[in-house]
Amino acid sequence: MNANLHSTNLLRAILFRADLVRADLSGADLMWAVLCEADLSKANLVGATLTGADLSTASLTQEEIEPASGDENTQLPPDLNPPAHWG
């Protein structure tokens, strides 16, 4: 898709099954967003805020999630771990 969503406010957005392959989500606010079944393959999440977001069934890798910020309310797929810097 290659969408440019750099620094976009997507607070509480419902992005169910969204095609975000190679999307630039750097600096985007995705707090409490629903990204169930979204494809975030090769997306740029550097500086993205994922606090409380539901990524439980999203397609993404540990490497892609590492540069983002989140918290204990961020729901990740079972094969991913919250990055250490999330606290």
N, C-alpha and C. Protein backbone atom coordinates (compact mmCIF):
# COMPACT_ATOMS: atom_id res chain seq x y z
N MET A 1 0.82 -1.20 0.00
CA MET A 1 0.00 0.00 0.00
C MET A 1 0.86 1.26 0.00
N ASN A 2 1.92 1.29 0.82
CA ASN A 2 2.82 2.44 0.89
C ASN A 2 2.13 3.74 1.33
N ALA A 3 1.14 3.66 2.17
CA ALA A 3 0.44 4.86 2.64
C ALA A 3 1.36 5.72 3.49
N ASN A 4 1.26 7.04 3.32
CA ASN A 4 2.04 7.96 4.13
C ASN A 4 1.13 8.52 5.22
N LEU A 5 1.26 7.94 6.41
CA LEU A 5 0.45 8.37 7.56
C LEU A 5 1.35 8.90 8.66
N HIS A 6 2.49 9.45 8.27
CA HIS A 6 3.46 10.01 9.21
C HIS A 6 2.79 11.05 10.10
N SER A 7 2.93 10.86 11.41
CA SER A 7 2.41 11.79 12.43
C SER A 7 0.90 12.01 12.36
N THR A 8 0.18 11.08 11.79
CA THR A 8 -1.28 11.19 11.68
C THR A 8 -1.94 10.84 13.00
N ASN A 9 -3.02 11.54 13.35
CA ASN A 9 -3.79 11.24 14.54
C ASN A 9 -4.81 10.16 14.19
N LEU A 10 -4.56 8.95 14.65
CA LEU A 10 -5.46 7.82 14.42
C LEU A 10 -6.00 7.30 15.75
N LEU A 11 -6.13 8.20 16.71
CA LEU A 11 -6.64 7.88 18.03
C LEU A 11 -7.99 7.19 17.91
N ARG A 12 -8.08 5.98 18.49
CA ARG A 12 -9.31 5.17 18.50
C ARG A 12 -9.83 4.79 17.10
N ALA A 13 -8.98 4.87 16.11
CA ALA A 13 -9.38 4.49 14.75
C ALA A 13 -9.67 3.00 14.68
N ILE A 14 -10.63 2.64 13.87
CA ILE A 14 -10.93 1.23 13.63
C ILE A 14 -10.36 0.90 12.25
N LEU A 15 -9.27 0.14 12.28
CA LEU A 15 -8.55 -0.21 11.06
C LEU A 15 -8.58 -1.73 10.86
N PHE A 16 -9.73 -2.31 11.07
CA PHE A 16 -9.94 -3.75 10.94
C PHE A 16 -9.62 -4.18 9.51
N ARG A 17 -8.73 -5.16 9.40
CA ARG A 17 -8.29 -5.71 8.11
C ARG A 17 -7.65 -4.68 7.18
N ALA A 18 -7.12 -3.61 7.73
CA ALA A 18 -6.50 -2.56 6.92
C ALA A 18 -5.22 -3.08 6.25
N ASP A 19 -5.01 -2.71 5.01
CA ASP A 19 -3.79 -3.03 4.28
C ASP A 19 -2.81 -1.90 4.51
N LEU A 20 -1.91 -2.11 5.46
CA LEU A 20 -0.92 -1.09 5.82
C LEU A 20 0.49 -1.58 5.51
N VAL A 21 0.60 -2.44 4.51
CA VAL A 21 1.90 -2.96 4.08
C VAL A 21 2.77 -1.79 3.64
N ARG A 22 3.96 -1.71 4.21
CA ARG A 22 4.95 -0.67 3.92
C ARG A 22 4.45 0.76 4.23
N ALA A 23 3.41 0.88 5.04
CA ALA A 23 2.89 2.20 5.40
C ALA A 23 3.88 2.93 6.29
N ASP A 24 3.96 4.24 6.12
CA ASP A 24 4.78 5.07 7.00
C ASP A 24 3.89 5.56 8.12
N LEU A 25 3.97 4.89 9.26
CA LEU A 25 3.21 5.26 10.44
C LEU A 25 4.12 5.87 11.50
N SER A 26 5.29 6.33 11.08
CA SER A 26 6.24 6.91 12.03
C SER A 26 5.61 8.13 12.70
N GLY A 27 5.68 8.15 14.01
CA GLY A 27 5.14 9.26 14.78
C GLY A 27 3.62 9.31 14.85
N ALA A 28 2.94 8.32 14.29
CA ALA A 28 1.47 8.32 14.29
C ALA A 28 0.93 8.01 15.69
N ASP A 29 -0.21 8.61 16.01
CA ASP A 29 -0.89 8.35 17.27
C ASP A 29 -1.96 7.29 17.01
N LEU A 30 -1.67 6.06 17.43
CA LEU A 30 -2.59 4.94 17.27
C LEU A 30 -3.13 4.47 18.63
N MET A 31 -3.17 5.39 19.59
CA MET A 31 -3.68 5.03 20.92
C MET A 31 -5.09 4.50 20.81
N TRP A 32 -5.31 3.33 21.43
CA TRP A 32 -6.61 2.68 21.51
C TRP A 32 -7.20 2.34 20.14
N ALA A 33 -6.37 2.30 19.12
CA ALA A 33 -6.84 1.91 17.78
C ALA A 33 -7.08 0.42 17.71
N VAL A 34 -8.00 0.01 16.86
CA VAL A 34 -8.30 -1.40 16.63
C VAL A 34 -7.67 -1.78 15.29
N LEU A 35 -6.64 -2.62 15.36
CA LEU A 35 -5.91 -3.05 14.17
C LEU A 35 -6.02 -4.56 13.98
N CYS A 36 -7.14 -5.13 14.39
CA CYS A 36 -7.36 -6.57 14.25
C CYS A 36 -7.28 -6.98 12.78
N GLU A 37 -6.51 -8.00 12.51
CA GLU A 37 -6.30 -8.56 11.18
C GLU A 37 -5.68 -7.56 10.19
N ALA A 38 -5.15 -6.45 10.68
CA ALA A 38 -4.47 -5.49 9.81
C ALA A 38 -3.12 -6.06 9.38
N ASP A 39 -2.72 -5.77 8.16
CA ASP A 39 -1.42 -6.22 7.66
C ASP A 39 -0.45 -5.05 7.76
N LEU A 40 0.45 -5.14 8.74
CA LEU A 40 1.44 -4.10 8.99
C LEU A 40 2.83 -4.56 8.55
N SER A 41 2.88 -5.51 7.63
CA SER A 41 4.16 -6.03 7.15
C SER A 41 5.01 -4.90 6.59
N LYS A 42 6.23 -4.82 7.08
CA LYS A 42 7.22 -3.82 6.64
C LYS A 42 6.77 -2.38 6.87
N ALA A 43 5.80 -2.16 7.77
CA ALA A 43 5.36 -0.81 8.10
C ALA A 43 6.42 -0.14 8.97
N ASN A 44 6.54 1.17 8.85
CA ASN A 44 7.47 1.96 9.65
C ASN A 44 6.71 2.45 10.88
N LEU A 45 7.02 1.88 12.04
CA LEU A 45 6.36 2.25 13.28
C LEU A 45 7.28 3.03 14.22
N VAL A 46 8.35 3.59 13.70
CA VAL A 46 9.29 4.36 14.52
C VAL A 46 8.56 5.54 15.17
N GLY A 47 8.55 5.53 16.48
CA GLY A 47 7.92 6.63 17.22
C GLY A 47 6.41 6.59 17.23
N ALA A 48 5.79 5.55 16.69
CA ALA A 48 4.33 5.43 16.72
C ALA A 48 3.89 5.12 18.15
N THR A 49 2.75 5.66 18.55
CA THR A 49 2.19 5.41 19.87
C THR A 49 1.10 4.37 19.75
N LEU A 50 1.32 3.22 20.40
CA LEU A 50 0.38 2.10 20.33
C LEU A 50 -0.26 1.80 21.68
N THR A 51 -0.25 2.77 22.57
CA THR A 51 -0.82 2.59 23.90
C THR A 51 -2.28 2.14 23.79
N GLY A 52 -2.58 0.98 24.38
CA GLY A 52 -3.94 0.47 24.39
C GLY A 52 -4.45 -0.07 23.07
N ALA A 53 -3.64 -0.06 22.03
CA ALA A 53 -4.09 -0.53 20.71
C ALA A 53 -4.28 -2.04 20.70
N ASP A 54 -5.22 -2.51 19.89
CA ASP A 54 -5.46 -3.94 19.73
C ASP A 54 -4.81 -4.42 18.45
N LEU A 55 -3.66 -5.06 18.60
CA LEU A 55 -2.91 -5.64 17.49
C LEU A 55 -2.90 -7.16 17.62
N SER A 56 -3.81 -7.70 18.40
CA SER A 56 -3.79 -9.11 18.77
C SER A 56 -3.82 -10.08 17.59
N THR A 57 -4.38 -9.67 16.48
CA THR A 57 -4.43 -10.54 15.30
C THR A 57 -3.82 -9.86 14.07
N ALA A 58 -3.02 -8.83 14.31
CA ALA A 58 -2.36 -8.11 13.21
C ALA A 58 -1.16 -8.89 12.71
N SER A 59 -0.80 -8.63 11.46
CA SER A 59 0.41 -9.23 10.87
C SER A 59 1.55 -8.23 11.00
N LEU A 60 2.50 -8.54 11.89
CA LEU A 60 3.69 -7.73 12.06
C LEU A 60 4.72 -8.55 12.81
N THR A 61 5.94 -8.07 12.80
CA THR A 61 7.04 -8.81 13.42
C THR A 61 7.54 -8.09 14.67
N GLN A 62 8.35 -8.81 15.45
CA GLN A 62 8.96 -8.21 16.63
C GLN A 62 9.82 -7.02 16.22
N GLU A 63 10.55 -7.15 15.14
CA GLU A 63 11.40 -6.08 14.65
C GLU A 63 10.59 -4.83 14.32
N GLU A 64 9.41 -5.00 13.76
CA GLU A 64 8.57 -3.85 13.39
C GLU A 64 7.98 -3.16 14.61
N ILE A 65 7.70 -3.92 15.68
CA ILE A 65 7.07 -3.36 16.87
C ILE A 65 8.08 -2.66 17.80
N GLU A 66 9.35 -3.07 17.73
CA GLU A 66 10.38 -2.56 18.65
C GLU A 66 10.49 -1.03 18.71
N PRO A 67 10.47 -0.29 17.59
CA PRO A 67 10.65 1.17 17.69
C PRO A 67 9.40 1.95 18.09
N ALA A 68 8.30 1.26 18.31
CA ALA A 68 7.05 1.93 18.70
C ALA A 68 6.97 2.03 20.22
N SER A 69 6.03 2.81 20.71
CA SER A 69 5.79 2.86 22.15
C SER A 69 4.41 2.28 22.43
N GLY A 70 4.30 1.65 23.58
CA GLY A 70 3.05 1.04 23.99
C GLY A 70 3.05 0.87 25.49
N ASP A 71 2.09 0.11 26.00
CA ASP A 71 2.02 -0.11 27.44
C ASP A 71 1.39 -1.47 27.72
N GLU A 72 1.06 -1.70 28.99
CA GLU A 72 0.49 -2.98 29.38
C GLU A 72 -0.89 -3.22 28.79
N ASN A 73 -1.53 -2.18 28.27
CA ASN A 73 -2.85 -2.32 27.64
C ASN A 73 -2.77 -2.61 26.15
N THR A 74 -1.59 -2.52 25.57
CA THR A 74 -1.41 -2.81 24.16
C THR A 74 -1.50 -4.32 23.96
N GLN A 75 -2.39 -4.75 23.08
CA GLN A 75 -2.59 -6.17 22.84
C GLN A 75 -1.80 -6.59 21.60
N LEU A 76 -0.82 -7.47 21.81
CA LEU A 76 0.03 -7.94 20.73
C LEU A 76 -0.33 -9.37 20.34
N PRO A 77 0.04 -9.78 19.12
CA PRO A 77 -0.15 -11.19 18.75
C PRO A 77 0.62 -12.08 19.73
N PRO A 78 0.16 -13.31 19.94
CA PRO A 78 0.79 -14.19 20.93
C PRO A 78 2.26 -14.49 20.68
N ASP A 79 2.73 -14.36 19.45
CA ASP A 79 4.13 -14.67 19.15
C ASP A 79 5.06 -13.47 19.34
N LEU A 80 4.52 -12.31 19.76
CA LEU A 80 5.34 -11.12 19.98
C LEU A 80 5.38 -10.78 21.47
N ASN A 81 6.47 -10.14 21.86
CA ASN A 81 6.65 -9.67 23.23
C ASN A 81 6.69 -8.16 23.27
N PRO A 82 6.17 -7.57 24.33
CA PRO A 82 6.30 -6.12 24.46
C PRO A 82 7.78 -5.74 24.52
N PRO A 83 8.19 -4.74 23.77
CA PRO A 83 9.58 -4.31 23.85
C PRO A 83 9.95 -3.90 25.28
N ALA A 84 11.18 -4.10 25.64
CA ALA A 84 11.66 -3.81 27.00
C ALA A 84 11.40 -2.36 27.39
N HIS A 85 11.53 -1.44 26.45
CA HIS A 85 11.36 -0.02 26.78
C HIS A 85 9.91 0.36 27.07
N TRP A 86 8.96 -0.55 26.87
CA TRP A 86 7.57 -0.27 27.21
C TRP A 86 7.36 -0.30 28.73
N GLY A 87 8.32 -0.89 29.44
CA GLY A 87 8.22 -0.94 30.91
C GLY A 87 7.34 -2.04 31.30
